[in-house]
Every structure is written in C-alpha cells, then in structure tokens.
Amino acid sequence: MTKLNSIQALRGIAAFAVFLCHVMAIEEAHSERGAKLTDLFINGAHGVDLFFVISGFIMVWVAGDLRRGAAEAGDFLFSRATRIYPLWWLFAAAMVVFFATMKGTLWDAPRIEAAGLDGALHLVHSFVLWPQPEHPVLGVGWTLVHEMYFYIAFAVLILLLPARMRLYGILAWAGIVTIGALAGLSANFSNNLIELIFYPMTLQFVLGALVGYAIKAGWRKHALIAAVVGGTATLIPFLNLDLIPTQTLMTSLGNEGFTGMNPVWRRTIFYGIPVALLIYGLVALELERGLRTPKFMVHLGDWSYSLYLCHTLTISAIGRVTYTLFEPSLVVTTAYVILVTIGTILVSALTYYYFERPSIRLFRRWRGKPSAGANEKTPAPV
C-alpha cells in the first residue's frame, strides 16, 4: 500500500504535541512561574486523539481488504504486535533501570503503593500492555494498551467477516461500545478489561476507520473544505485555554454543558470529529491533487513512535541536569526548551534508524514478507 506522506506528517505532529505537553510538566516542576515559556505552548495531550483516529484510518488503509480467515488475522496481529512490543519493551526497561537507579525499586513505589497494587504484577501488566488501575511503568504506554485492543478487535473482524462486510462489523462494534459506555461500563481511565472494551475514545478509532473506507471507496469531494474546517476545529482545542477566552466564549454562547460534559466523551466528540475531517481532507488532497508534504515532516512521522516513547526519559534527564546546574530564569528555560527539543528529536531519529527499523525488517523476514520499499512502510502504532 502506498505510503501517505500527509498521514506521516500528522503522526509527527501528534507525537511532537505530546512531547510539548510533557515539556510543560517538567518545566512546571523545575522552573519558577515567571521563567515559564510553556504557557505559550499548545495543549499537547490531545495529540493522543490524533493518534487514535490515525490508527483507525491506517488499519483500514493497509488491512481493510484482507481475506477472511485465521491465517490472515494471525498474520495481521503478529505484524502489529511486533511493531508495538519491541520498542515498548526497550523504553519500558529503560524506565525500570531509571527507577532502580534513582529510587531503589523497579517501579514508582509511592504511586503503586498508594494505589494498593503489587509492584511485580504492575510490571508484568506494564510489559504485556494489560489494563490496570495505574499507568504502566512508562506512563505514555497507556495509549498502547488501547492500541493493542484496537488491533485485537480488528483481527477478530478479519477472522470472522469477509472484507465486504467488515464495515458493518466496525459499525456494530461502535454501537456496542457506545451502549456499554452510556450504561456506565467505562470510566475516565481504563482500570480493567471491561472498562477498556467500552472506553468511549475507541470511537475515535472507528472514526478513522470510516474515513479509511470513504477514501478507499473513492470519496474525494470537498477535500479542501474538510481540511480547512477540520484543521481549524482541531487547532482550537490544542490552544492553551489559559491564554484565550474559550471557556468564557462557550458560556456566553450558552454552551455551559461543554465544560460539564464527561471529559472522555468531550475528547471523543470535540477532538475526534475534527481530526477525522482533517485526515479525510489531507489524504484526498494528496491522492487527487498531489498535495506535497515537507520532507522533514515525513521524517518526523517516521520517527513518531520512537519520539513518543523516548521523550519522557529524554526531557526528564535534560531537565534534571539543566535545573541542577542553573537557577531557573528566562534564559535558562529558553535554553532548556531548545536543547530538549533538539535532543529528543535526535534520540528518536537514532532509535528509529538503529533499533526500530532493523526490528521491523527482522520481523518481516520472519513472516516471509519482502522488505518494504521506499513507498511502503509498516505503519507505526503512533
């Protein structure tokens, strides 16, 4: 399947947005309020919403036409698991080493003990990406728990349904998730398997899948309008709400319910739908009008999974060194943000070229698949 550079760029933007979110957290912990730069940054946590919609689109784009059967379902699931787990294990293990070195335990003992969890079991659940009441040992891994759920569910659809019926299976899945979530079977954080299955943000994956089916069916109408409207509506929630009168505007328009809505449903609707429009518009423009994407954005998309997993450790390490050696100031904070941005991108690129890409090629050989060409790449989970 042809590589879509617009999707790669969106992956890079999503990973970089999450990176900025965590830069803000580290800076908040180390610097004084007057020295903060990250009040200017976007609300980058919503890069996750972008990831989820992209995942749904990519699954349909690359695997929507697979024949029904156990062999195809197993091959699909193996390809996704070997895409997620090796890099996840690398950085989860690095986090374990960090805790062992800095805190004398293999996990974040205060957090795990406060939650009443067994530390060893917490590690097992973390490494296999099983839902639990706390974030995995490397916190960003909570999204990978959902990604694996998406992939298993999609593999079940491949197993049971022919390609022409799979769209209806996805719609049925969406209906089941919606009914279960409205019935109270979900929570703001997926503490267990039931809450994971009925988590509302699963509908973002479904939205992406619907866009994938629309594109594969030849829909291209109103692509520019969709890209502009979707891009604008996606950007607004990303803005720092402390700096713009968004909440005041919502209230003045009579939308008090927006701020009172369940936060997971709010993310699902107000972030998922605009992102789906944006993806539809950009992909349609790329396929029909040859929309060009800057090469660096494509590379950032290639590195997005490495960036997503490495950035927490990278920004923490650079933050500790910076604010140990220097007192917080505007100059120091500016230097920190520049250094941590360059450092994280460099680490993610090196990780991609020297670990992630070789592991992809290794597992493709094990599956008996030819190496991906220049225009075809195994899609990253994020």
Protein backbone atom coordinates (compact mmCIF):
# COMPACT_ATOMS: atom_id res chain seq x y z
CA MET A 1 0.00 0.00 0.00
CA THR A 2 1.29 3.43 -0.97
CA LYS A 3 2.72 5.47 1.87
CA LEU A 4 0.69 8.61 2.57
CA ASN A 5 3.02 11.47 3.46
CA SER A 6 0.17 13.54 4.88
CA ILE A 7 -0.55 10.81 7.43
CA GLN A 8 3.14 10.58 8.30
CA ALA A 9 3.22 14.33 8.90
CA LEU A 10 0.16 14.14 11.15
CA ARG A 11 1.84 11.35 13.12
CA GLY A 12 4.87 13.55 13.64
CA ILE A 13 2.70 16.49 14.72
CA ALA A 14 0.80 14.30 17.17
CA ALA A 15 3.97 12.91 18.77
CA PHE A 16 5.53 16.36 18.96
CA ALA A 17 2.38 17.76 20.57
CA VAL A 18 2.54 15.13 23.32
CA PHE A 19 6.23 15.93 23.72
CA LEU A 20 5.36 19.61 24.29
CA CYS A 21 2.77 18.61 26.87
CA HIS A 22 5.40 16.77 28.89
CA VAL A 23 7.97 19.53 28.44
CA MET A 24 5.41 21.74 30.14
CA ALA A 25 5.11 19.29 33.03
CA ILE A 26 8.87 19.04 33.54
CA GLU A 27 9.31 22.77 33.29
CA GLU A 28 6.49 23.30 35.79
CA ALA A 29 8.31 21.06 38.24
CA HIS A 30 11.68 22.80 37.93
CA SER A 31 11.20 26.43 36.99
CA GLU A 32 9.57 29.43 38.58
CA ARG A 33 6.32 30.75 37.17
CA GLY A 34 7.95 33.90 35.84
CA ALA A 35 10.52 31.88 33.91
CA LYS A 36 8.00 29.66 32.15
CA LEU A 37 7.84 29.57 28.38
CA THR A 38 5.34 26.77 28.01
CA ASP A 39 2.32 28.96 28.69
CA LEU A 40 2.77 29.68 25.00
CA PHE A 41 2.58 26.03 24.04
CA ILE A 42 -0.36 24.04 22.82
CA ASN A 43 -2.40 21.65 24.94
CA GLY A 44 -0.40 18.81 23.51
CA ALA A 45 -2.08 15.95 25.35
CA HIS A 46 -4.64 15.91 22.57
CA GLY A 47 -2.03 14.52 20.24
CA VAL A 48 -3.35 11.21 21.59
CA ASP A 49 -6.73 11.86 19.97
CA LEU A 50 -4.96 12.41 16.67
CA PHE A 51 -3.08 9.12 17.13
CA PHE A 52 -6.28 7.16 17.75
CA VAL A 53 -8.08 8.47 14.66
CA ILE A 54 -4.97 7.89 12.53
CA SER A 55 -4.77 4.30 13.81
CA GLY A 56 -8.31 3.55 12.65
CA PHE A 57 -7.64 5.05 9.25
CA ILE A 58 -4.38 3.16 8.77
CA MET A 59 -5.88 -0.21 9.74
CA VAL A 60 -8.49 0.10 7.00
CA TRP A 61 -5.99 1.57 4.52
CA VAL A 62 -3.48 -1.26 4.88
CA ALA A 63 -5.61 -4.22 6.00
CA GLY A 64 -9.23 -3.47 5.18
CA ASP A 65 -9.22 -5.75 2.13
CA LEU A 66 -7.60 -8.79 3.74
CA ARG A 67 -9.44 -12.05 3.13
CA ARG A 68 -11.40 -13.60 5.96
CA GLY A 69 -9.60 -16.35 7.84
CA ALA A 70 -7.37 -17.36 10.71
CA ALA A 71 -4.16 -17.11 8.69
CA GLU A 72 -4.82 -13.52 7.62
CA ALA A 73 -5.99 -12.49 11.09
CA GLY A 74 -2.98 -14.09 12.73
CA ASP A 75 -0.56 -12.51 10.27
CA PHE A 76 -2.15 -9.10 10.81
CA LEU A 77 -2.00 -9.40 14.59
CA PHE A 78 1.59 -10.65 14.51
CA SER A 79 2.62 -7.70 12.34
CA ARG A 80 1.02 -5.23 14.74
CA ALA A 81 2.36 -6.88 17.91
CA THR A 82 5.90 -6.99 16.54
CA ARG A 83 5.53 -3.32 15.61
CA ILE A 84 4.48 -2.30 19.11
CA TYR A 85 6.25 -4.53 21.61
CA PRO A 86 10.00 -4.45 20.79
CA LEU A 87 10.33 -0.68 21.08
CA TRP A 88 7.92 -0.58 24.00
CA TRP A 89 9.98 -3.18 25.87
CA LEU A 90 13.16 -1.20 25.19
CA PHE A 91 11.88 2.01 26.77
CA ALA A 92 9.83 0.33 29.48
CA ALA A 93 13.03 -1.49 30.51
CA ALA A 94 14.90 1.82 30.42
CA MET A 95 12.29 3.23 32.81
CA VAL A 96 12.76 0.25 35.13
CA VAL A 97 16.51 0.94 35.15
CA PHE A 98 15.79 4.59 35.92
CA PHE A 99 13.63 3.69 38.93
CA ALA A 100 16.17 1.12 40.14
CA THR A 101 18.98 3.68 39.91
CA MET A 102 17.18 6.73 41.28
CA LYS A 103 14.68 5.23 43.73
CA GLY A 104 15.99 1.78 44.60
CA THR A 105 12.92 -0.08 43.30
CA LEU A 106 11.98 -1.37 39.88
CA TRP A 107 8.83 0.75 39.75
CA ASP A 108 7.43 4.01 41.07
CA ALA A 109 6.87 2.61 44.56
CA PRO A 110 4.98 5.58 46.14
CA ARG A 111 2.49 5.72 43.27
CA ILE A 112 1.98 1.96 43.09
CA GLU A 113 1.69 1.51 46.85
CA ALA A 114 -0.78 4.40 47.10
CA ALA A 115 -2.96 2.61 44.54
CA GLY A 116 -2.74 -0.61 46.57
CA LEU A 117 -1.12 -2.54 43.72
CA ASP A 118 1.53 -5.24 43.76
CA GLY A 119 4.67 -3.83 42.18
CA ALA A 120 5.77 -7.02 40.43
CA LEU A 121 2.30 -7.57 38.97
CA HIS A 122 2.25 -3.93 37.90
CA LEU A 123 5.44 -4.53 35.91
CA VAL A 124 4.02 -7.66 34.27
CA HIS A 125 0.88 -5.79 33.26
CA SER A 126 3.01 -2.91 32.01
CA PHE A 127 5.18 -5.05 29.76
CA VAL A 128 2.27 -7.01 28.26
CA LEU A 129 0.14 -3.83 27.96
CA TRP A 130 -2.72 -5.15 30.06
CA PRO A 131 -5.19 -2.63 31.58
CA GLN A 132 -4.65 -1.80 35.25
CA PRO A 133 -5.68 0.94 37.71
CA GLU A 134 -2.41 2.85 37.21
CA HIS A 135 -0.41 3.97 34.21
CA PRO A 136 2.25 1.49 33.03
CA VAL A 137 5.81 1.82 34.27
CA LEU A 138 6.41 4.24 31.39
CA GLY A 139 3.32 6.39 31.61
CA VAL A 140 2.73 7.05 27.91
CA GLY A 141 2.18 3.31 27.45
CA TRP A 142 -1.47 3.69 28.48
CA THR A 143 -2.29 4.57 24.88
CA LEU A 144 -0.60 1.38 23.67
CA VAL A 145 -2.98 -0.64 25.84
CA HIS A 146 -5.77 0.86 23.75
CA GLU A 147 -3.87 0.34 20.50
CA MET A 148 -3.49 -3.37 21.23
CA TYR A 149 -7.22 -3.56 21.98
CA PHE A 150 -7.95 -1.90 18.63
CA TYR A 151 -5.71 -4.35 16.80
CA ILE A 152 -7.14 -7.43 18.52
CA ALA A 153 -10.69 -6.27 17.75
CA PHE A 154 -9.77 -5.62 14.11
CA ALA A 155 -8.10 -9.04 13.90
CA VAL A 156 -11.35 -10.62 15.16
CA LEU A 157 -13.22 -8.84 12.36
CA ILE A 158 -10.71 -10.19 9.83
CA LEU A 159 -11.19 -13.67 11.30
CA LEU A 160 -14.99 -13.62 11.21
CA LEU A 161 -16.10 -11.33 8.38
CA PRO A 162 -15.32 -11.08 4.67
CA ALA A 163 -13.87 -7.77 3.57
CA ARG A 164 -17.16 -6.53 2.08
CA MET A 165 -18.92 -6.98 5.46
CA ARG A 166 -16.19 -5.59 7.68
CA LEU A 167 -17.52 -2.03 7.66
CA TYR A 168 -20.76 -3.30 9.20
CA GLY A 169 -18.75 -5.12 11.82
CA ILE A 170 -16.96 -1.90 12.73
CA LEU A 171 -20.28 -0.05 12.99
CA ALA A 172 -21.64 -2.82 15.22
CA TRP A 173 -18.52 -2.55 17.38
CA ALA A 174 -19.10 1.20 17.67
CA GLY A 175 -22.69 0.59 18.73
CA ILE A 176 -21.66 -1.92 21.39
CA VAL A 177 -19.01 0.45 22.77
CA THR A 178 -21.48 3.35 22.85
CA ILE A 179 -24.21 1.36 24.61
CA GLY A 180 -21.76 -0.04 27.15
CA ALA A 181 -20.20 3.35 27.85
CA LEU A 182 -23.60 5.02 28.30
CA ALA A 183 -24.61 2.15 30.59
CA GLY A 184 -21.72 3.00 32.91
CA LEU A 185 -19.34 0.21 31.98
CA SER A 186 -16.50 2.64 31.24
CA ALA A 187 -14.54 5.14 33.32
CA ASN A 188 -12.24 8.12 32.75
CA PHE A 189 -9.32 5.68 32.90
CA SER A 190 -9.46 2.05 31.81
CA ASN A 191 -8.75 0.26 35.08
CA ASN A 192 -9.69 -3.20 33.82
CA LEU A 193 -10.62 -5.14 30.70
CA ILE A 194 -14.34 -4.25 30.79
CA GLU A 195 -13.62 -0.53 31.07
CA LEU A 196 -11.10 -0.83 28.24
CA ILE A 197 -13.60 -2.57 25.95
CA PHE A 198 -16.24 0.12 26.47
CA TYR A 199 -13.92 3.13 26.60
CA PRO A 200 -15.56 5.97 24.58
CA MET A 201 -12.33 7.05 22.88
CA THR A 202 -12.46 3.75 20.98
CA LEU A 203 -14.95 5.62 18.80
CA GLN A 204 -12.06 7.79 17.58
CA PHE A 205 -10.51 4.66 16.11
CA VAL A 206 -13.87 3.93 14.46
CA LEU A 207 -14.00 7.46 13.04
CA GLY A 208 -10.60 6.93 11.46
CA ALA A 209 -11.74 3.59 10.04
CA LEU A 210 -14.80 5.24 8.48
CA VAL A 211 -12.55 7.83 6.82
CA GLY A 212 -10.41 4.97 5.52
CA TYR A 213 -13.42 3.26 3.96
CA ALA A 214 -14.60 6.54 2.43
CA ILE A 215 -11.20 7.18 0.84
CA LYS A 216 -10.91 3.61 -0.45
CA ALA A 217 -14.41 3.91 -1.93
CA GLY A 218 -13.24 6.88 -3.97
CA TRP A 219 -14.69 9.76 -1.98
CA ARG A 220 -12.77 12.94 -2.70
CA LYS A 221 -15.42 15.67 -2.69
CA HIS A 222 -14.96 18.88 -0.71
CA ALA A 223 -11.46 17.82 0.35
CA LEU A 224 -10.15 21.36 0.73
CA ILE A 225 -13.16 22.46 2.79
CA ALA A 226 -12.82 19.38 5.01
CA ALA A 227 -9.10 20.03 5.52
CA VAL A 228 -9.64 23.71 6.41
CA VAL A 229 -12.65 23.14 8.67
CA GLY A 230 -11.14 20.06 10.28
CA GLY A 231 -7.75 21.71 10.71
CA THR A 232 -9.24 24.82 12.30
CA ALA A 233 -11.51 22.82 14.60
CA THR A 234 -8.56 20.59 15.53
CA LEU A 235 -6.30 23.54 16.30
CA ILE A 236 -8.72 25.33 18.65
CA PRO A 237 -8.77 22.59 21.35
CA PHE A 238 -4.97 22.39 21.09
CA LEU A 239 -4.59 26.03 22.12
CA ASN A 240 -3.75 26.79 25.72
CA LEU A 241 -7.10 27.59 27.31
CA ASP A 242 -5.38 29.72 29.98
CA LEU A 243 -4.46 32.28 27.34
CA ILE A 244 -7.63 32.54 25.29
CA PRO A 245 -11.20 33.25 26.45
CA THR A 246 -12.52 29.93 25.17
CA GLN A 247 -14.41 28.99 28.30
CA THR A 248 -15.91 32.47 28.57
CA LEU A 249 -16.97 32.29 24.93
CA MET A 250 -18.55 28.88 25.41
CA THR A 251 -20.53 30.15 28.39
CA SER A 252 -21.64 33.31 26.58
CA LEU A 253 -22.95 31.16 23.72
CA GLY A 254 -24.98 29.09 26.14
CA ASN A 255 -22.73 26.05 25.96
CA GLU A 256 -22.18 25.56 29.67
CA GLY A 257 -22.69 21.86 29.07
CA PHE A 258 -19.41 21.68 27.14
CA THR A 259 -17.32 22.18 30.27
CA GLY A 260 -19.59 19.93 32.34
CA MET A 261 -19.51 17.04 29.87
CA ASN A 262 -17.67 13.87 30.78
CA PRO A 263 -14.05 14.60 29.73
CA VAL A 264 -13.63 11.34 27.82
CA TRP A 265 -16.79 11.92 25.79
CA ARG A 266 -15.74 15.53 25.25
CA ARG A 267 -12.42 14.37 23.82
CA THR A 268 -14.11 11.73 21.71
CA ILE A 269 -16.55 14.16 20.10
CA PHE A 270 -14.89 17.56 20.03
CA TYR A 271 -11.43 16.31 19.09
CA GLY A 272 -12.22 13.09 17.23
CA ILE A 273 -14.62 14.50 14.63
CA PRO A 274 -12.43 17.47 13.59
CA VAL A 275 -9.39 15.20 13.29
CA ALA A 276 -11.38 12.79 11.11
CA LEU A 277 -12.32 15.69 8.81
CA LEU A 278 -8.71 16.84 8.70
CA ILE A 279 -7.44 13.37 7.78
CA TYR A 280 -10.08 12.97 5.07
CA GLY A 281 -9.25 16.36 3.58
CA LEU A 282 -5.48 15.95 3.58
CA VAL A 283 -5.48 12.40 2.23
CA ALA A 284 -7.98 13.27 -0.50
CA LEU A 285 -5.89 16.30 -1.48
CA GLU A 286 -2.73 14.19 -1.58
CA LEU A 287 -4.30 11.48 -3.72
CA GLU A 288 -6.20 13.76 -6.10
CA ARG A 289 -4.14 16.93 -6.27
CA GLY A 290 -0.68 15.74 -5.33
CA LEU A 291 -0.51 17.65 -2.05
CA ARG A 292 3.17 17.83 -1.10
CA THR A 293 4.41 17.39 2.45
CA PRO A 294 7.77 18.80 3.64
CA LYS A 295 10.34 16.02 3.89
CA PHE A 296 11.23 16.85 7.47
CA MET A 297 7.60 16.38 8.50
CA VAL A 298 7.60 12.99 6.78
CA HIS A 299 10.79 12.03 8.62
CA LEU A 300 9.29 13.22 11.91
CA GLY A 301 6.34 10.94 11.18
CA ASP A 302 8.71 8.03 10.54
CA TRP A 303 10.30 8.71 13.92
CA SER A 304 6.98 9.35 15.70
CA TYR A 305 6.76 6.07 17.63
CA SER A 306 10.35 6.38 18.83
CA LEU A 307 9.73 10.03 19.70
CA TYR A 308 6.58 9.14 21.60
CA LEU A 309 8.32 6.53 23.75
CA CYS A 310 11.72 8.19 24.25
CA HIS A 311 10.67 11.75 25.03
CA THR A 312 9.69 11.27 28.67
CA LEU A 313 13.10 9.92 29.63
CA THR A 314 14.94 12.41 27.44
CA ILE A 315 13.24 15.54 28.73
CA SER A 316 13.46 14.29 32.33
CA ALA A 317 17.20 13.66 32.04
CA ILE A 318 17.93 17.01 30.39
CA GLY A 319 15.64 18.78 32.86
CA ARG A 320 17.42 17.28 35.86
CA VAL A 321 20.83 18.31 34.54
CA THR A 322 19.72 21.79 33.48
CA TYR A 323 17.95 22.78 36.68
CA THR A 324 20.63 21.19 38.87
CA LEU A 325 23.39 23.24 37.26
CA PHE A 326 21.48 26.51 36.79
CA GLU A 327 18.92 28.57 38.65
CA PRO A 328 15.60 28.97 36.82
CA SER A 329 15.50 32.05 34.61
CA LEU A 330 14.09 33.05 31.26
CA VAL A 331 17.46 32.42 29.59
CA VAL A 332 17.90 29.01 31.23
CA THR A 333 14.35 27.97 30.42
CA THR A 334 14.72 29.06 26.81
CA ALA A 335 17.97 27.12 26.51
CA TYR A 336 16.34 24.10 28.13
CA VAL A 337 13.41 24.07 25.71
CA ILE A 338 15.71 24.40 22.69
CA LEU A 339 18.12 21.74 23.97
CA VAL A 340 15.41 19.28 24.93
CA THR A 341 13.70 19.68 21.56
CA ILE A 342 16.89 19.03 19.61
CA GLY A 343 17.91 16.22 21.96
CA THR A 344 14.58 14.43 21.80
CA ILE A 345 14.36 14.59 18.02
CA LEU A 346 17.95 13.33 17.75
CA VAL A 347 17.32 10.43 20.14
CA SER A 348 14.12 9.50 18.33
CA ALA A 349 15.86 9.53 14.94
CA LEU A 350 18.76 7.41 16.19
CA THR A 351 16.36 4.98 17.86
CA TYR A 352 14.37 4.65 14.65
CA TYR A 353 17.37 4.02 12.41
CA TYR A 354 19.34 1.75 14.75
CA PHE A 355 16.61 -0.17 16.59
CA GLU A 356 13.08 0.34 15.31
CA ARG A 357 13.69 -0.02 11.57
CA PRO A 358 16.05 -3.03 11.93
CA SER A 359 13.49 -4.78 14.14
CA ILE A 360 10.77 -4.10 11.55
CA ARG A 361 12.91 -5.67 8.84
CA LEU A 362 13.77 -8.64 11.05
CA PHE A 363 10.15 -9.50 11.79
CA ARG A 364 9.14 -9.00 8.17
CA ARG A 365 11.71 -11.64 7.22
CA TRP A 366 10.34 -13.96 9.92
CA ARG A 367 6.88 -13.53 8.41
CA GLY A 368 8.29 -14.30 4.98
CA LYS A 369 7.41 -10.83 3.72
CA PRO A 370 9.69 -8.79 1.43
CA SER A 371 11.27 -5.68 2.87
CA ALA A 372 9.11 -2.60 2.47
CA GLY A 373 10.07 -0.40 -0.45
CA ALA A 374 10.51 3.32 -0.48
CA ASN A 375 6.79 3.93 -0.93
CA GLU A 376 5.59 1.27 1.50
CA LYS A 377 6.24 1.17 5.21
CA THR A 378 4.84 -0.89 8.06
CA PRO A 379 2.56 1.58 9.84
CA ALA A 380 3.65 2.67 13.27
CA PRO A 381 1.23 2.37 16.20
CA VAL A 382 1.64 6.11 16.83
